[in-house]
Amino acid sequence: MKRVLLIILLALPSWAWSVTLVVGMEAANNAPFEYLDESNRLTGFHVKLVRAVAERLGWEIRIQREPWKRAMMSLRKGRVDAVTYVARSPDRAQFARFLPGNLLHVSRTTLYIDRERSDEIHYSEPLREMVRTWHTAVPNGYLMSDRVRKLIDEGAPISQPTVSQSELFRMLLNGRYDAVFGSMRALELAREESPELGDRIQQLPAAAFPGKRMYLAFSLKGDPAIAEQFANAFNAFRAEPAYQALAQRFNVQDRLPTAQDVNASQ
């Protein structure tokens, strides 16, 4: 009997009996999704969400925070099992697994301008002509909406400096750019680090672009069953009251994926 039990256990995949999931996160203030609270403890919607799903699976979680490009390299090399806050792209699909069930939230993109130029700069379609008329920029490595990405791929004159969103805002105020792309919450987050930015920068009215899907992306170097198990448990968690309560706690109800988002095929 003991021999039969041992054979059964050895036949099971490793994730079925013990899993410590190593999850990469950007070492940055990405509130309300991932950030350090006033006690310097890691929290946020993504943090609590990943822990809640793992708890339901009986898995341990170890979070590894590092700069964004290093996190992407860790995912590519399989040094972590997964990374949060990852938008799908053709390049990333070569080393990461994007399952609909592991969709964390849907972001939206806008344009920001210097408030002093609000009488001069106005948004008008098409966006292609807008970025040819005004010098615009997006932080390199930050994936915005598919519409913006498509323009960049087609050679539109959108600069991509290797800076953070806050640094890009300062470049905007220094006159380096006429307008810069960012998420709908980018200015709110930057203002927490540099309060003066909120008084000098504003969203460009009517400039709102389709959302970008943000995933918990799993490394292709790992066992695909782990990603699938997590996605199944994540889908089950969405049906629990605790999921909506978590979204309400961090005020992200408007960015929750719809059933259509979650069930969409890749």
C-alpha atoms as a PDB file:
ATOM      1  CA  MET A   1       0.000   0.000   0.000  1.00  0.00           C
ATOM      2  CA  LYS A   2       2.803   2.404   0.918  1.00  0.00           C
ATOM      3  CA  ARG A   3       4.563   1.572  -2.344  1.00  0.00           C
ATOM      4  CA  VAL A   4       1.382   2.311  -4.341  1.00  0.00           C
ATOM      5  CA  LEU A   5       0.944   5.644  -2.544  1.00  0.00           C
ATOM      6  CA  LEU A   6       4.556   6.581  -3.221  1.00  0.00           C
ATOM      7  CA  ILE A   7       4.163   5.758  -6.921  1.00  0.00           C
ATOM      8  CA  ILE A   8       1.033   7.917  -7.101  1.00  0.00           C
ATOM      9  CA  LEU A   9       2.746  10.856  -5.438  1.00  0.00           C
ATOM     10  CA  LEU A  10       5.762  10.601  -7.733  1.00  0.00           C
ATOM     11  CA  ALA A  11       3.450  10.549 -10.736  1.00  0.00           C
ATOM     12  CA  LEU A  12       1.815  13.817  -9.750  1.00  0.00           C
ATOM     13  CA  PRO A  13       3.221  17.052 -11.207  1.00  0.00           C
ATOM     14  CA  SER A  14       5.150  19.132  -8.680  1.00  0.00           C
ATOM     15  CA  TRP A  15       2.461  21.867  -8.555  1.00  0.00           C
ATOM     16  CA  ALA A  16      -0.106  19.335  -7.288  1.00  0.00           C
ATOM     17  CA  TRP A  17       1.542  18.827  -3.917  1.00  0.00           C
ATOM     18  CA  SER A  18       3.742  21.827  -3.148  1.00  0.00           C
ATOM     19  CA  VAL A  19       4.140  25.179  -4.886  1.00  0.00           C
ATOM     20  CA  THR A  20       6.029  28.292  -3.902  1.00  0.00           C
ATOM     21  CA  LEU A  21       5.155  30.821  -6.581  1.00  0.00           C
ATOM     22  CA  VAL A  22       7.832  33.464  -7.165  1.00  0.00           C
ATOM     23  CA  VAL A  23       6.091  36.584  -8.468  1.00  0.00           C
ATOM     24  CA  GLY A  24       8.001  39.565  -9.844  1.00  0.00           C
ATOM     25  CA  MET A  25       6.752  43.113  -9.354  1.00  0.00           C
ATOM     26  CA  GLU A  26       8.170  46.467 -10.405  1.00  0.00           C
ATOM     27  CA  ALA A  27       9.962  48.262  -7.571  1.00  0.00           C
ATOM     28  CA  ALA A  28       7.936  51.447  -8.014  1.00  0.00           C
ATOM     29  CA  ASN A  29       4.869  53.250  -6.737  1.00  0.00           C
ATOM     30  CA  ASN A  30       2.114  51.728  -8.871  1.00  0.00           C
ATOM     31  CA  ALA A  31      -0.716  52.563  -6.481  1.00  0.00           C
ATOM     32  CA  PRO A  32      -3.413  51.451  -6.055  1.00  0.00           C
ATOM     33  CA  PHE A  33      -2.173  48.185  -7.567  1.00  0.00           C
ATOM     34  CA  GLU A  34       1.320  47.744  -6.096  1.00  0.00           C
ATOM     35  CA  TYR A  35       2.940  50.091  -3.584  1.00  0.00           C
ATOM     36  CA  LEU A  36       4.438  50.464  -0.114  1.00  0.00           C
ATOM     37  CA  ASP A  37       2.064  51.747   2.566  1.00  0.00           C
ATOM     38  CA  GLU A  38       2.919  54.198   5.352  1.00  0.00           C
ATOM     39  CA  SER A  39       4.463  51.319   7.313  1.00  0.00           C
ATOM     40  CA  ASN A  40       6.646  50.382   4.321  1.00  0.00           C
ATOM     41  CA  ARG A  41       4.671  47.193   3.737  1.00  0.00           C
ATOM     42  CA  LEU A  42       3.866  46.007   0.242  1.00  0.00           C
ATOM     43  CA  THR A  43       0.173  46.262  -0.556  1.00  0.00           C
ATOM     44  CA  GLY A  44      -2.232  47.090  -3.361  1.00  0.00           C
ATOM     45  CA  PHE A  45      -4.947  45.438  -5.420  1.00  0.00           C
ATOM     46  CA  HIS A  46      -2.578  43.178  -7.357  1.00  0.00           C
ATOM     47  CA  VAL A  47      -0.679  42.185  -4.223  1.00  0.00           C
ATOM     48  CA  LYS A  48      -3.796  41.213  -2.275  1.00  0.00           C
ATOM     49  CA  LEU A  49      -5.363  39.587  -5.324  1.00  0.00           C
ATOM     50  CA  VAL A  50      -2.421  37.319  -6.087  1.00  0.00           C
ATOM     51  CA  ARG A  51      -2.115  36.341  -2.427  1.00  0.00           C
ATOM     52  CA  ALA A  52      -5.853  35.578  -2.170  1.00  0.00           C
ATOM     53  CA  VAL A  53      -5.839  33.310  -5.228  1.00  0.00           C
ATOM     54  CA  ALA A  54      -2.665  31.536  -4.075  1.00  0.00           C
ATOM     55  CA  GLU A  55      -4.198  31.011  -0.641  1.00  0.00           C
ATOM     56  CA  ARG A  56      -7.181  29.271  -2.222  1.00  0.00           C
ATOM     57  CA  LEU A  57      -4.776  26.985  -4.060  1.00  0.00           C
ATOM     58  CA  GLY A  58      -2.785  26.282  -0.918  1.00  0.00           C
ATOM     59  CA  TRP A  59       0.329  27.797  -2.499  1.00  0.00           C
ATOM     60  CA  GLU A  60       3.026  29.927  -0.935  1.00  0.00           C
ATOM     61  CA  ILE A  61       3.867  33.287  -2.536  1.00  0.00           C
ATOM     62  CA  ARG A  62       7.265  34.983  -2.638  1.00  0.00           C
ATOM     63  CA  ILE A  63       7.263  38.466  -4.176  1.00  0.00           C
ATOM     64  CA  GLN A  64      10.426  39.754  -5.797  1.00  0.00           C
ATOM     65  CA  ARG A  65      10.521  43.521  -6.462  1.00  0.00           C
ATOM     66  CA  GLU A  66      13.007  44.902  -8.976  1.00  0.00           C
ATOM     67  CA  PRO A  67      13.274  47.563 -11.710  1.00  0.00           C
ATOM     68  CA  TRP A  68      10.917  46.947 -14.622  1.00  0.00           C
ATOM     69  CA  LYS A  69      13.467  45.933 -17.255  1.00  0.00           C
ATOM     70  CA  ARG A  70      15.116  43.547 -14.800  1.00  0.00           C
ATOM     71  CA  ALA A  71      11.713  42.062 -13.956  1.00  0.00           C
ATOM     72  CA  MET A  72      11.098  41.431 -17.661  1.00  0.00           C
ATOM     73  CA  MET A  73      14.505  39.771 -17.958  1.00  0.00           C
ATOM     74  CA  SER A  74      13.742  37.601 -14.915  1.00  0.00           C
ATOM     75  CA  LEU A  75      10.519  36.509 -16.597  1.00  0.00           C
ATOM     76  CA  ARG A  76      12.319  35.812 -19.862  1.00  0.00           C
ATOM     77  CA  LYS A  77      15.029  33.755 -18.122  1.00  0.00           C
ATOM     78  CA  GLY A  78      12.598  31.920 -15.843  1.00  0.00           C
ATOM     79  CA  ARG A  79      14.125  33.386 -12.682  1.00  0.00           C
ATOM     80  CA  VAL A  80      10.569  34.154 -11.545  1.00  0.00           C
ATOM     81  CA  ASP A  81       7.404  32.180 -12.230  1.00  0.00           C
ATOM     82  CA  ALA A  82       5.333  35.214 -13.148  1.00  0.00           C
ATOM     83  CA  VAL A  83       5.296  39.023 -13.211  1.00  0.00           C
ATOM     84  CA  THR A  84       2.340  41.302 -12.503  1.00  0.00           C
ATOM     85  CA  TYR A  85       1.183  44.362 -14.448  1.00  0.00           C
ATOM     86  CA  VAL A  86       2.337  43.018 -17.832  1.00  0.00           C
ATOM     87  CA  ALA A  87       0.701  44.097 -21.087  1.00  0.00           C
ATOM     88  CA  ARG A  88       0.773  41.604 -23.931  1.00  0.00           C
ATOM     89  CA  SER A  89       2.953  42.366 -26.957  1.00  0.00           C
ATOM     90  CA  PRO A  90       4.402  40.214 -29.767  1.00  0.00           C
ATOM     91  CA  ASP A  91       7.855  40.391 -28.180  1.00  0.00           C
ATOM     92  CA  ARG A  92       6.645  39.435 -24.696  1.00  0.00           C
ATOM     93  CA  ALA A  93       4.543  36.590 -26.095  1.00  0.00           C
ATOM     94  CA  GLN A  94       7.837  34.927 -27.053  1.00  0.00           C
ATOM     95  CA  PHE A  95       8.777  34.414 -23.404  1.00  0.00           C
ATOM     96  CA  ALA A  96       5.562  34.874 -21.404  1.00  0.00           C
ATOM     97  CA  ARG A  97       2.247  33.061 -21.178  1.00  0.00           C
ATOM     98  CA  PHE A  98      -0.848  35.314 -21.238  1.00  0.00           C
ATOM     99  CA  LEU A  99      -4.013  33.485 -20.180  1.00  0.00           C
ATOM    100  CA  PRO A 100      -7.375  35.306 -20.174  1.00  0.00           C
ATOM    101  CA  GLY A 101      -8.060  33.969 -16.687  1.00  0.00           C
ATOM    102  CA  ASN A 102      -4.933  35.742 -15.376  1.00  0.00           C
ATOM    103  CA  LEU A 103      -6.099  39.195 -16.490  1.00  0.00           C
ATOM    104  CA  LEU A 104      -5.577  41.583 -13.556  1.00  0.00           C
ATOM    105  CA  HIS A 105      -7.120  44.838 -14.753  1.00  0.00           C
ATOM    106  CA  VAL A 106      -7.734  46.984 -17.803  1.00  0.00           C
ATOM    107  CA  SER A 107      -6.011  50.380 -17.974  1.00  0.00           C
ATOM    108  CA  ARG A 108      -6.797  53.424 -20.094  1.00  0.00           C
ATOM    109  CA  THR A 109      -4.468  55.941 -21.738  1.00  0.00           C
ATOM    110  CA  THR A 110      -4.667  59.704 -22.153  1.00  0.00           C
ATOM    111  CA  LEU A 111      -2.529  62.697 -23.170  1.00  0.00           C
ATOM    112  CA  TYR A 112      -1.150  65.256 -20.727  1.00  0.00           C
ATOM    113  CA  ILE A 113      -0.122  68.859 -21.406  1.00  0.00           C
ATOM    114  CA  ASP A 114       1.344  71.820 -19.548  1.00  0.00           C
ATOM    115  CA  ARG A 115      -1.638  73.626 -18.028  1.00  0.00           C
ATOM    116  CA  GLU A 116      -0.281  76.961 -19.286  1.00  0.00           C
ATOM    117  CA  ARG A 117      -0.724  75.735 -22.867  1.00  0.00           C
ATOM    118  CA  SER A 118      -4.356  74.642 -22.491  1.00  0.00           C
ATOM    119  CA  ASP A 119      -5.550  77.476 -24.782  1.00  0.00           C
ATOM    120  CA  GLU A 120      -3.038  76.463 -27.425  1.00  0.00           C
ATOM    121  CA  ILE A 121      -3.153  72.658 -27.529  1.00  0.00           C
ATOM    122  CA  HIS A 122      -6.457  70.914 -28.211  1.00  0.00           C
ATOM    123  CA  TYR A 123      -7.169  67.304 -29.031  1.00  0.00           C
ATOM    124  CA  SER A 124      -8.715  66.440 -32.372  1.00  0.00           C
ATOM    125  CA  GLU A 125      -8.938  63.268 -34.403  1.00  0.00           C
ATOM    126  CA  PRO A 126      -7.237  61.568 -36.047  1.00  0.00           C
ATOM    127  CA  LEU A 127      -4.569  60.789 -33.468  1.00  0.00           C
ATOM    128  CA  ARG A 128      -2.102  60.186 -36.286  1.00  0.00           C
ATOM    129  CA  GLU A 129      -2.307  63.851 -37.282  1.00  0.00           C
ATOM    130  CA  MET A 130      -2.223  64.961 -33.655  1.00  0.00           C
ATOM    131  CA  VAL A 131       1.179  63.348 -33.067  1.00  0.00           C
ATOM    132  CA  ARG A 132       2.503  64.860 -36.301  1.00  0.00           C
ATOM    133  CA  THR A 133       1.354  68.339 -35.309  1.00  0.00           C
ATOM    134  CA  TRP A 134       2.649  68.223 -31.751  1.00  0.00           C
ATOM    135  CA  HIS A 135       5.830  66.672 -30.355  1.00  0.00           C
ATOM    136  CA  THR A 136       4.626  63.789 -28.149  1.00  0.00           C
ATOM    137  CA  ALA A 137       6.332  61.108 -26.091  1.00  0.00           C
ATOM    138  CA  VAL A 138       5.700  57.916 -24.155  1.00  0.00           C
ATOM    139  CA  PRO A 139       8.099  56.345 -21.600  1.00  0.00           C
ATOM    140  CA  ASN A 140      10.119  53.584 -23.236  1.00  0.00           C
ATOM    141  CA  GLY A 141       9.012  50.178 -21.967  1.00  0.00           C
ATOM    142  CA  TYR A 142       5.591  51.365 -20.817  1.00  0.00           C
ATOM    143  CA  LEU A 143       2.949  49.802 -23.056  1.00  0.00           C
ATOM    144  CA  MET A 144      -0.006  52.126 -23.526  1.00  0.00           C
ATOM    145  CA  SER A 145      -3.114  51.473 -25.587  1.00  0.00           C
ATOM    146  CA  ASP A 146      -2.934  49.325 -28.702  1.00  0.00           C
ATOM    147  CA  ARG A 147      -3.832  52.394 -30.714  1.00  0.00           C
ATOM    148  CA  VAL A 148      -0.725  54.258 -29.546  1.00  0.00           C
ATOM    149  CA  ARG A 149       1.422  51.147 -29.982  1.00  0.00           C
ATOM    150  CA  LYS A 150       0.187  50.729 -33.561  1.00  0.00           C
ATOM    151  CA  LEU A 151       1.165  54.290 -34.440  1.00  0.00           C
ATOM    152  CA  ILE A 152       4.654  53.749 -33.005  1.00  0.00           C
ATOM    153  CA  ASP A 153       5.054  50.513 -34.982  1.00  0.00           C
ATOM    154  CA  GLU A 154       4.005  52.356 -38.130  1.00  0.00           C
ATOM    155  CA  GLY A 155       6.719  54.961 -37.603  1.00  0.00           C
ATOM    156  CA  ALA A 156       4.693  57.827 -36.168  1.00  0.00           C
ATOM    157  CA  PRO A 157       6.934  60.524 -34.617  1.00  0.00           C
ATOM    158  CA  ILE A 158       6.275  59.607 -30.986  1.00  0.00           C
ATOM    159  CA  SER A 159       9.451  59.817 -28.895  1.00  0.00           C
ATOM    160  CA  GLN A 160      10.244  57.027 -26.436  1.00  0.00           C
ATOM    161  CA  PRO A 161      12.809  58.284 -23.914  1.00  0.00           C
ATOM    162  CA  THR A 162      14.030  55.776 -21.337  1.00  0.00           C
ATOM    163  CA  VAL A 163      12.641  57.597 -18.306  1.00  0.00           C
ATOM    164  CA  SER A 164       9.944  57.094 -15.707  1.00  0.00           C
ATOM    165  CA  GLN A 165       6.510  58.651 -16.090  1.00  0.00           C
ATOM    166  CA  SER A 166       7.365  61.303 -13.466  1.00  0.00           C
ATOM    167  CA  GLU A 167      10.565  62.204 -15.292  1.00  0.00           C
ATOM    168  CA  LEU A 168       8.617  62.470 -18.535  1.00  0.00           C
ATOM    169  CA  PHE A 169       6.219  64.915 -16.872  1.00  0.00           C
ATOM    170  CA  ARG A 170       9.186  67.089 -15.875  1.00  0.00           C
ATOM    171  CA  MET A 171      10.447  66.990 -19.456  1.00  0.00           C
ATOM    172  CA  LEU A 172       6.996  68.146 -20.548  1.00  0.00           C
ATOM    173  CA  LEU A 173       7.183  71.122 -18.185  1.00  0.00           C
ATOM    174  CA  ASN A 174      10.693  71.939 -19.410  1.00  0.00           C
ATOM    175  CA  GLY A 175       9.333  72.285 -22.943  1.00  0.00           C
ATOM    176  CA  ARG A 176      10.944  69.141 -24.289  1.00  0.00           C
ATOM    177  CA  TYR A 177       7.552  67.847 -25.445  1.00  0.00           C
ATOM    178  CA  ASP A 178       4.184  69.396 -26.250  1.00  0.00           C
ATOM    179  CA  ALA A 179       2.175  66.475 -24.868  1.00  0.00           C
ATOM    180  CA  VAL A 180       2.962  63.106 -23.291  1.00  0.00           C
ATOM    181  CA  PHE A 181       1.040  59.858 -23.055  1.00  0.00           C
ATOM    182  CA  GLY A 182       0.268  58.211 -19.742  1.00  0.00           C
ATOM    183  CA  SER A 183      -2.327  56.125 -17.953  1.00  0.00           C
ATOM    184  CA  MET A 184      -5.431  57.850 -16.620  1.00  0.00           C
ATOM    185  CA  ARG A 185      -3.900  57.663 -13.118  1.00  0.00           C
ATOM    186  CA  ALA A 186      -0.337  58.607 -14.075  1.00  0.00           C
ATOM    187  CA  LEU A 187      -0.584  62.209 -12.878  1.00  0.00           C
ATOM    188  CA  GLU A 188      -2.210  61.179  -9.606  1.00  0.00           C
ATOM    189  CA  LEU A 189       0.659  58.780  -8.899  1.00  0.00           C
ATOM    190  CA  ALA A 190       3.345  61.276  -9.947  1.00  0.00           C
ATOM    191  CA  ARG A 191       1.777  63.925  -7.735  1.00  0.00           C
ATOM    192  CA  GLU A 192       2.389  61.741  -4.687  1.00  0.00           C
ATOM    193  CA  GLU A 193       6.128  61.979  -5.396  1.00  0.00           C
ATOM    194  CA  SER A 194       6.132  65.581  -6.688  1.00  0.00           C
ATOM    195  CA  PRO A 195       3.024  67.493  -5.532  1.00  0.00           C
ATOM    196  CA  GLU A 196       3.818  70.488  -7.755  1.00  0.00           C
ATOM    197  CA  LEU A 197       3.135  68.435 -10.868  1.00  0.00           C
ATOM    198  CA  GLY A 198      -0.583  68.381 -10.117  1.00  0.00           C
ATOM    199  CA  ASP A 199      -0.801  72.178 -10.311  1.00  0.00           C
ATOM    200  CA  ARG A 200       1.082  72.481 -13.592  1.00  0.00           C
ATOM    201  CA  ILE A 201      -0.092  69.507 -15.664  1.00  0.00           C
ATOM    202  CA  GLN A 202      -3.540  68.507 -16.856  1.00  0.00           C
ATOM    203  CA  GLN A 203      -5.173  65.847 -18.975  1.00  0.00           C
ATOM    204  CA  LEU A 204      -5.963  66.948 -22.497  1.00  0.00           C
ATOM    205  CA  PRO A 205      -9.794  66.993 -22.751  1.00  0.00           C
ATOM    206  CA  ALA A 206     -11.299  64.393 -25.092  1.00  0.00           C
ATOM    207  CA  ALA A 207      -8.009  62.469 -25.342  1.00  0.00           C
ATOM    208  CA  ALA A 208      -9.009  59.031 -24.071  1.00  0.00           C
ATOM    209  CA  PHE A 209      -7.888  55.828 -25.740  1.00  0.00           C
ATOM    210  CA  PRO A 210      -8.963  52.171 -25.493  1.00  0.00           C
ATOM    211  CA  GLY A 211      -7.696  50.224 -22.528  1.00  0.00           C
ATOM    212  CA  LYS A 212      -4.661  48.025 -22.261  1.00  0.00           C
ATOM    213  CA  ARG A 213      -5.067  44.627 -20.625  1.00  0.00           C
ATOM    214  CA  MET A 214      -2.699  44.004 -17.733  1.00  0.00           C
ATOM    215  CA  TYR A 215      -1.895  40.378 -16.876  1.00  0.00           C
ATOM    216  CA  LEU A 216      -0.146  38.221 -14.380  1.00  0.00           C
ATOM    217  CA  ALA A 217       2.156  36.844 -17.088  1.00  0.00           C
ATOM    218  CA  PHE A 218       3.788  33.471 -16.483  1.00  0.00           C
ATOM    219  CA  SER A 219       7.210  32.507 -17.778  1.00  0.00           C
ATOM    220  CA  LEU A 220       7.290  30.091 -20.699  1.00  0.00           C
ATOM    221  CA  LYS A 221      10.261  28.492 -18.930  1.00  0.00           C
ATOM    222  CA  GLY A 222       7.911  27.173 -16.244  1.00  0.00           C
ATOM    223  CA  ASP A 223       5.298  24.443 -16.077  1.00  0.00           C
ATOM    224  CA  PRO A 224       2.223  25.573 -18.091  1.00  0.00           C
ATOM    225  CA  ALA A 225       0.004  23.712 -15.625  1.00  0.00           C
ATOM    226  CA  ILE A 226       0.891  26.253 -12.919  1.00  0.00           C
ATOM    227  CA  ALA A 227      -0.381  29.144 -15.049  1.00  0.00           C
ATOM    228  CA  GLU A 228      -3.534  27.206 -15.904  1.00  0.00           C
ATOM    229  CA  GLN A 229      -4.201  26.227 -12.288  1.00  0.00           C
ATOM    230  CA  PHE A 230      -3.813  29.827 -11.196  1.00  0.00           C
ATOM    231  CA  ALA A 231      -6.123  31.065 -13.974  1.00  0.00           C
ATOM    232  CA  ASN A 232      -8.824  28.564 -12.969  1.00  0.00           C
ATOM    233  CA  ALA A 233      -8.596  29.565  -9.316  1.00  0.00           C
ATOM    234  CA  PHE A 234      -8.566  33.252 -10.291  1.00  0.00           C
ATOM    235  CA  ASN A 235     -11.773  32.799 -12.308  1.00  0.00           C
ATOM    236  CA  ALA A 236     -13.408  31.098  -9.336  1.00  0.00           C
ATOM    237  CA  PHE A 237     -12.313  33.929  -7.032  1.00  0.00           C
ATOM    238  CA  ARG A 238     -13.977  36.500  -9.306  1.00  0.00           C
ATOM    239  CA  ALA A 239     -17.333  34.951  -8.405  1.00  0.00           C
ATOM    240  CA  GLU A 240     -16.732  35.497  -4.679  1.00  0.00           C
ATOM    241  CA  PRO A 241     -17.912  38.607  -2.801  1.00  0.00           C
ATOM    242  CA  ALA A 242     -14.315  38.978  -1.589  1.00  0.00           C
ATOM    243  CA  TYR A 243     -13.222  39.934  -5.113  1.00  0.00           C
ATOM    244  CA  GLN A 244     -15.583  42.899  -5.342  1.00  0.00           C
ATOM    245  CA  ALA A 245     -14.731  43.861  -1.760  1.00  0.00           C
ATOM    246  CA  LEU A 246     -11.048  43.951  -2.663  1.00  0.00           C
ATOM    247  CA  ALA A 247     -11.739  46.123  -5.707  1.00  0.00           C
ATOM    248  CA  GLN A 248     -13.803  48.487  -3.589  1.00  0.00           C
ATOM    249  CA  ARG A 249     -11.091  48.672  -0.934  1.00  0.00           C
ATOM    250  CA  PHE A 250      -8.585  49.937  -3.496  1.00  0.00           C
ATOM    251  CA  ASN A 251     -11.169  51.878  -5.543  1.00  0.00           C
ATOM    252  CA  VAL A 252     -10.515  50.058  -8.815  1.00  0.00           C
ATOM    253  CA  GLN A 253     -14.029  48.888  -9.636  1.00  0.00           C
ATOM    254  CA  ASP A 254     -13.974  50.780 -12.939  1.00  0.00           C
ATOM    255  CA  ARG A 255     -10.865  48.878 -14.041  1.00  0.00           C
ATOM    256  CA  LEU A 256     -12.026  45.352 -13.362  1.00  0.00           C
ATOM    257  CA  PRO A 257     -12.064  43.149 -16.477  1.00  0.00           C
ATOM    258  CA  THR A 258     -15.488  42.391 -17.876  1.00  0.00           C
ATOM    259  CA  ALA A 259     -16.642  38.817 -18.459  1.00  0.00           C
ATOM    260  CA  GLN A 260     -15.963  39.418 -22.145  1.00  0.00           C
ATOM    261  CA  ASP A 261     -12.367  40.452 -21.350  1.00  0.00           C
ATOM    262  CA  VAL A 262     -11.759  37.370 -19.216  1.00  0.00           C
ATOM    263  CA  ASN A 263     -13.353  34.937 -21.656  1.00  0.00           C
ATOM    264  CA  ALA A 264     -11.664  36.399 -24.721  1.00  0.00           C
ATOM    265  CA  SER A 265      -9.402  34.028 -26.599  1.00  0.00           C
ATOM    266  CA  GLN A 266      -5.847  35.030 -27.386  1.00  0.00           C
END
